[in-house]
C-alpha atoms as a PDB file:
ATOM      1  CA  UNK A   1     148.610 -27.384 -61.972  1.00  0.00           C
ATOM      2  CA  UNK A   2     151.606 -29.609 -62.068  1.00  0.00           C
ATOM      3  CA  UNK A   3     151.429 -33.143 -63.699  1.00  0.00           C
ATOM      4  CA  UNK A   4     152.358 -36.157 -61.511  1.00  0.00           C
ATOM      5  CA  UNK A   5     155.740 -36.438 -63.191  1.00  0.00           C
ATOM      6  CA  UNK A   6     156.376 -32.660 -62.610  1.00  0.00           C
ATOM      7  CA  UNK A   7     155.586 -33.140 -58.939  1.00  0.00           C
ATOM      8  CA  UNK A   8     157.946 -36.104 -58.689  1.00  0.00           C
ATOM      9  CA  UNK A   9     160.719 -33.775 -60.459  1.00  0.00           C
ATOM     10  CA  UNK A  10     160.237 -31.093 -58.220  1.00  0.00           C
ATOM     11  CA  UNK A  11     160.194 -33.193 -55.134  1.00  0.00           C
ATOM     12  CA  UNK A  12     163.475 -34.917 -56.173  1.00  0.00           C
ATOM     13  CA  UNK A  13     164.966 -31.332 -56.773  1.00  0.00           C
ATOM     14  CA  UNK A  14     163.953 -30.157 -53.304  1.00  0.00           C
ATOM     15  CA  UNK A  15     165.606 -33.351 -51.831  1.00  0.00           C
ATOM     16  CA  UNK A  16     168.754 -32.830 -53.691  1.00  0.00           C
ATOM     17  CA  UNK A  17     168.767 -29.235 -52.510  1.00  0.00           C
ATOM     18  CA  UNK A  18     168.258 -30.219 -48.920  1.00  0.00           C
ATOM     19  CA  UNK A  19     170.970 -33.028 -49.084  1.00  0.00           C
ATOM     20  CA  UNK A  20     173.573 -30.317 -50.626  1.00  0.00           C
ATOM     21  CA  UNK A  21     172.500 -27.636 -48.146  1.00  0.00           C
ATOM     22  CA  UNK A  22     173.065 -29.994 -45.178  1.00  0.00           C
ATOM     23  CA  UNK A  23     176.386 -31.139 -46.611  1.00  0.00           C
ATOM     24  CA  UNK A  24     177.612 -27.769 -47.510  1.00  0.00           C
ATOM     25  CA  UNK A  25     177.809 -28.612 -51.282  1.00  0.00           C
ATOM     26  CA  UNK A  26     176.742 -26.638 -54.253  1.00  0.00           C
ATOM     27  CA  UNK A  27     172.976 -26.399 -54.865  1.00  0.00           C
ATOM     28  CA  UNK A  28     171.520 -28.455 -57.795  1.00  0.00           C
ATOM     29  CA  UNK A  29     170.757 -26.784 -61.121  1.00  0.00           C
ATOM     30  CA  UNK A  30     167.004 -26.306 -61.839  1.00  0.00           C
ATOM     31  CA  UNK A  31     165.459 -28.656 -64.306  1.00  0.00           C
ATOM     32  CA  UNK A  32     164.687 -27.799 -68.031  1.00  0.00           C
ATOM     33  CA  UNK A  33     161.004 -27.403 -69.041  1.00  0.00           C
ATOM     34  CA  UNK A  34     158.187 -24.992 -69.231  1.00  0.00           C
ATOM     35  CA  UNK A  35     156.594 -25.848 -65.961  1.00  0.00           C
ATOM     36  CA  UNK A  36     160.031 -25.270 -64.072  1.00  0.00           C
ATOM     37  CA  UNK A  37     160.439 -21.774 -65.710  1.00  0.00           C
ATOM     38  CA  UNK A  38     157.169 -20.097 -64.791  1.00  0.00           C
ATOM     39  CA  UNK A  39     157.328 -17.638 -61.799  1.00  0.00           C
ATOM     40  CA  UNK A  40     155.368 -18.672 -58.895  1.00  0.00           C
ATOM     41  CA  UNK A  41     155.826 -18.457 -55.123  1.00  0.00           C
ATOM     42  CA  UNK A  42     156.451 -21.599 -53.350  1.00  0.00           C
ATOM     43  CA  UNK A  43     157.094 -22.997 -49.663  1.00  0.00           C
ATOM     44  CA  UNK A  44     159.079 -25.934 -48.820  1.00  0.00           C
ATOM     45  CA  UNK A  45     158.152 -27.846 -45.646  1.00  0.00           C
ATOM     46  CA  UNK A  46     160.492 -30.379 -44.094  1.00  0.00           C
ATOM     47  CA  UNK A  47     159.029 -32.931 -41.519  1.00  0.00           C
ATOM     48  CA  UNK A  48     160.868 -35.622 -39.489  1.00  0.00           C
ATOM     49  CA  UNK A  49     158.542 -38.284 -37.910  1.00  0.00           C
ATOM     50  CA  UNK A  50     155.388 -36.162 -38.762  1.00  0.00           C
ATOM     51  CA  UNK A  51     156.891 -33.072 -36.855  1.00  0.00           C
ATOM     52  CA  UNK A  52     157.875 -29.744 -38.652  1.00  0.00           C
ATOM     53  CA  UNK A  53     161.555 -29.685 -39.023  1.00  0.00           C
ATOM     54  CA  UNK A  54     161.639 -26.600 -41.419  1.00  0.00           C
ATOM     55  CA  UNK A  55     159.655 -24.491 -43.477  1.00  0.00           C
ATOM     56  CA  UNK A  56     160.693 -21.381 -45.597  1.00  0.00           C
ATOM     57  CA  UNK A  57     159.021 -19.880 -48.517  1.00  0.00           C
ATOM     58  CA  UNK A  58     158.617 -16.867 -50.877  1.00  0.00           C
ATOM     59  CA  UNK A  59     155.416 -15.481 -52.145  1.00  0.00           C
ATOM     60  CA  UNK A  60     156.661 -14.277 -55.375  1.00  0.00           C
ATOM     61  CA  UNK A  61     159.589 -16.774 -55.933  1.00  0.00           C
ATOM     62  CA  UNK A  62     163.166 -16.044 -56.508  1.00  0.00           C
ATOM     63  CA  UNK A  63     163.135 -16.400 -60.239  1.00  0.00           C
ATOM     64  CA  UNK A  64     161.717 -19.400 -61.963  1.00  0.00           C
ATOM     65  CA  UNK A  65     159.712 -21.981 -59.963  1.00  0.00           C
ATOM     66  CA  UNK A  66     162.625 -24.525 -60.203  1.00  0.00           C
ATOM     67  CA  UNK A  67     165.171 -21.897 -58.802  1.00  0.00           C
ATOM     68  CA  UNK A  68     162.556 -21.130 -56.066  1.00  0.00           C
ATOM     69  CA  UNK A  69     162.347 -24.673 -54.948  1.00  0.00           C
ATOM     70  CA  UNK A  70     165.992 -25.002 -54.914  1.00  0.00           C
ATOM     71  CA  UNK A  71     166.487 -21.886 -52.746  1.00  0.00           C
ATOM     72  CA  UNK A  72     163.500 -22.512 -50.379  1.00  0.00           C
ATOM     73  CA  UNK A  73     164.349 -26.264 -49.998  1.00  0.00           C
ATOM     74  CA  UNK A  74     168.000 -25.279 -49.078  1.00  0.00           C
ATOM     75  CA  UNK A  75     166.872 -22.577 -46.642  1.00  0.00           C
ATOM     76  CA  UNK A  76     164.351 -24.792 -44.924  1.00  0.00           C
ATOM     77  CA  UNK A  77     167.221 -27.278 -44.254  1.00  0.00           C
ATOM     78  CA  UNK A  78     169.679 -24.725 -42.885  1.00  0.00           C
ATOM     79  CA  UNK A  79     168.235 -21.329 -42.552  1.00  0.00           C
ATOM     80  CA  UNK A  80     164.913 -21.566 -40.617  1.00  0.00           C
ATOM     81  CA  UNK A  81     165.554 -19.873 -37.345  1.00  0.00           C
ATOM     82  CA  UNK A  82     163.235 -22.185 -35.442  1.00  0.00           C
ATOM     83  CA  UNK A  83     165.487 -25.191 -35.908  1.00  0.00           C
ATOM     84  CA  UNK A  84     169.113 -26.064 -35.842  1.00  0.00           C
ATOM     85  CA  UNK A  85     170.362 -26.828 -39.250  1.00  0.00           C
ATOM     86  CA  UNK A  86     169.530 -30.168 -40.774  1.00  0.00           C
ATOM     87  CA  UNK A  87     172.541 -32.490 -40.455  1.00  0.00           C
ATOM     88  CA  UNK A  88     173.594 -34.686 -43.287  1.00  0.00           C
ATOM     89  CA  UNK A  89     172.483 -38.066 -41.382  1.00  0.00           C
ATOM     90  CA  UNK A  90     169.077 -36.528 -40.962  1.00  0.00           C
ATOM     91  CA  UNK A  91     168.258 -36.005 -44.571  1.00  0.00           C
ATOM     92  CA  UNK A  92     167.101 -39.599 -45.434  1.00  0.00           C
ATOM     93  CA  UNK A  93     164.648 -39.431 -42.429  1.00  0.00           C
ATOM     94  CA  UNK A  94     162.920 -36.306 -43.670  1.00  0.00           C
ATOM     95  CA  UNK A  95     159.723 -35.980 -45.732  1.00  0.00           C
ATOM     96  CA  UNK A  96     159.312 -32.982 -47.870  1.00  0.00           C
ATOM     97  CA  UNK A  97     156.189 -31.120 -48.867  1.00  0.00           C
ATOM     98  CA  UNK A  98     155.806 -28.435 -51.559  1.00  0.00           C
ATOM     99  CA  UNK A  99     153.139 -25.664 -51.654  1.00  0.00           C
ATOM    100  CA  UNK A 100     153.135 -23.732 -54.922  1.00  0.00           C
ATOM    101  CA  UNK A 101     151.210 -20.526 -54.244  1.00  0.00           C
ATOM    102  CA  UNK A 102     148.635 -18.359 -56.038  1.00  0.00           C
ATOM    103  CA  UNK A 103     148.926 -14.757 -55.948  1.00  0.00           C
ATOM    104  CA  UNK A 104     147.714 -13.116 -52.789  1.00  0.00           C
ATOM    105  CA  UNK A 105     144.319 -11.298 -52.777  1.00  0.00           C
ATOM    106  CA  UNK A 106     143.167  -8.768 -50.465  1.00  0.00           C
ATOM    107  CA  UNK A 107     140.294 -10.006 -48.152  1.00  0.00           C
ATOM    108  CA  UNK A 108     138.192  -9.472 -45.375  1.00  0.00           C
ATOM    109  CA  UNK A 109     137.909 -11.687 -42.285  1.00  0.00           C
ATOM    110  CA  UNK A 110     134.539 -13.028 -43.749  1.00  0.00           C
ATOM    111  CA  UNK A 111     136.226 -14.154 -46.830  1.00  0.00           C
ATOM    112  CA  UNK A 112     138.551 -16.599 -45.187  1.00  0.00           C
ATOM    113  CA  UNK A 113     137.959 -20.339 -45.853  1.00  0.00           C
ATOM    114  CA  UNK A 114     139.966 -22.546 -43.619  1.00  0.00           C
ATOM    115  CA  UNK A 115     141.618 -25.257 -45.350  1.00  0.00           C
ATOM    116  CA  UNK A 116     141.219 -23.490 -48.786  1.00  0.00           C
ATOM    117  CA  UNK A 117     142.917 -20.251 -48.136  1.00  0.00           C
ATOM    118  CA  UNK A 118     146.501 -19.488 -46.782  1.00  0.00           C
ATOM    119  CA  UNK A 119     146.659 -16.167 -44.784  1.00  0.00           C
ATOM    120  CA  UNK A 120     149.072 -13.535 -44.757  1.00  0.00           C
ATOM    121  CA  UNK A 121     148.358 -10.707 -42.205  1.00  0.00           C
ATOM    122  CA  UNK A 122     150.178  -7.555 -41.788  1.00  0.00           C
ATOM    123  CA  UNK A 123     149.957  -4.711 -39.253  1.00  0.00           C
ATOM    124  CA  UNK A 124     152.694  -2.127 -39.331  1.00  0.00           C
ATOM    125  CA  UNK A 125     156.141  -3.752 -39.649  1.00  0.00           C
ATOM    126  CA  UNK A 126     154.844  -7.120 -38.328  1.00  0.00           C
ATOM    127  CA  UNK A 127     153.499  -9.962 -40.491  1.00  0.00           C
ATOM    128  CA  UNK A 128     152.936 -13.774 -40.724  1.00  0.00           C
ATOM    129  CA  UNK A 129     151.449 -16.130 -42.624  1.00  0.00           C
ATOM    130  CA  UNK A 130     150.062 -19.765 -42.488  1.00  0.00           C
ATOM    131  CA  UNK A 131     149.677 -22.142 -45.283  1.00  0.00           C
ATOM    132  CA  UNK A 132     146.200 -23.345 -46.222  1.00  0.00           C
ATOM    133  CA  UNK A 133     146.943 -26.953 -44.926  1.00  0.00           C
ATOM    134  CA  UNK A 134     147.826 -25.713 -41.410  1.00  0.00           C
ATOM    135  CA  UNK A 135     144.092 -24.877 -40.719  1.00  0.00           C
ATOM    136  CA  UNK A 136     142.888 -28.244 -42.045  1.00  0.00           C
ATOM    137  CA  UNK A 137     145.621 -30.275 -40.221  1.00  0.00           C
ATOM    138  CA  UNK A 138     144.772 -28.403 -37.039  1.00  0.00           C
ATOM    139  CA  UNK A 139     141.023 -28.331 -37.427  1.00  0.00           C
ATOM    140  CA  UNK A 140     140.658 -24.740 -36.875  1.00  0.00           C
ATOM    141  CA  UNK A 141     137.825 -22.471 -37.657  1.00  0.00           C
ATOM    142  CA  UNK A 142     137.967 -19.225 -39.463  1.00  0.00           C
ATOM    143  CA  UNK A 143     138.556 -17.100 -36.157  1.00  0.00           C
ATOM    144  CA  UNK A 144     141.169 -19.572 -34.760  1.00  0.00           C
ATOM    145  CA  UNK A 145     142.862 -19.585 -38.039  1.00  0.00           C
ATOM    146  CA  UNK A 146     143.121 -15.653 -38.101  1.00  0.00           C
ATOM    147  CA  UNK A 147     144.136 -15.676 -34.439  1.00  0.00           C
ATOM    148  CA  UNK A 148     147.045 -17.845 -35.095  1.00  0.00           C
ATOM    149  CA  UNK A 149     148.056 -16.117 -38.067  1.00  0.00           C
ATOM    150  CA  UNK A 150     148.122 -12.919 -35.798  1.00  0.00           C
ATOM    151  CA  UNK A 151     150.165 -14.926 -33.220  1.00  0.00           C
ATOM    152  CA  UNK A 152     152.603 -15.931 -35.887  1.00  0.00           C
ATOM    153  CA  UNK A 153     153.197 -12.279 -36.897  1.00  0.00           C
ATOM    154  CA  UNK A 154     153.846 -11.301 -33.340  1.00  0.00           C
ATOM    155  CA  UNK A 155     150.486  -9.655 -32.994  1.00  0.00           C
ATOM    156  CA  UNK A 156     147.800 -10.149 -30.342  1.00  0.00           C
ATOM    157  CA  UNK A 157     145.406 -12.832 -31.340  1.00  0.00           C
ATOM    158  CA  UNK A 158     142.537 -10.463 -31.954  1.00  0.00           C
ATOM    159  CA  UNK A 159     144.536  -8.114 -34.194  1.00  0.00           C
ATOM    160  CA  UNK A 160     142.571  -9.505 -37.302  1.00  0.00           C
ATOM    161  CA  UNK A 161     139.604  -7.528 -35.908  1.00  0.00           C
ATOM    162  CA  UNK A 162     141.380  -3.815 -36.423  1.00  0.00           C
ATOM    163  CA  UNK A 163     140.349  -1.709 -39.174  1.00  0.00           C
ATOM    164  CA  UNK A 164     144.115  -1.001 -39.933  1.00  0.00           C
ATOM    165  CA  UNK A 165     145.236  -4.594 -40.428  1.00  0.00           C
ATOM    166  CA  UNK A 166     145.863  -5.997 -43.865  1.00  0.00           C
ATOM    167  CA  UNK A 167     144.594  -9.323 -44.504  1.00  0.00           C
ATOM    168  CA  UNK A 168     145.492 -11.312 -47.544  1.00  0.00           C
ATOM    169  CA  UNK A 169     144.501 -14.903 -48.874  1.00  0.00           C
ATOM    170  CA  UNK A 170     146.042 -17.339 -51.310  1.00  0.00           C
ATOM    171  CA  UNK A 171     145.668 -20.908 -52.291  1.00  0.00           C
ATOM    172  CA  UNK A 172     148.249 -23.514 -52.933  1.00  0.00           C
ATOM    173  CA  UNK A 173     149.059 -26.510 -54.995  1.00  0.00           C
ATOM    174  CA  UNK A 174     150.284 -28.916 -51.981  1.00  0.00           C
ATOM    175  CA  UNK A 175     151.867 -32.128 -52.638  1.00  0.00           C
ATOM    176  CA  UNK A 176     154.608 -34.192 -50.955  1.00  0.00           C
ATOM    177  CA  UNK A 177     156.349 -37.365 -50.597  1.00  0.00           C
ATOM    178  CA  UNK A 178     154.573 -40.389 -49.107  1.00  0.00           C
END
């Protein structure tokens, strides 16, 4: 668990990375400190007026947690294929959420707890994930959460029922700007 000051530091770091990426400037250096040096996966979510504006993450990280936050924030700003790159003038109007991930665990459909678990589903070369907070925000039950994760993977919504589908759960420490 991150302390409140560490959370603030990570959010400031993410905002600096978004601003730099949107402006084409060099990305910031990661902060010093033991909490920022651990190796954890993380997602950075950008929202504008409450609507998704970008979200990129990595399950195992790209090095230290600080480096992962910098890389994922920059990628969410300019490399999420669902959205055009963030323009410099947009940065101040964005809110940032960070999800620091636990390791993934193999699971069966009955093990999934919406609002607690994130899901990663893979079938063949197709895979998709939804963070734990998505099910809670949408009010989804277990089957709806599984179906939407399949859809995110580009699979039919009932693919989670197949014997050859791989289902993994993970948890996340989620925090963001007010």
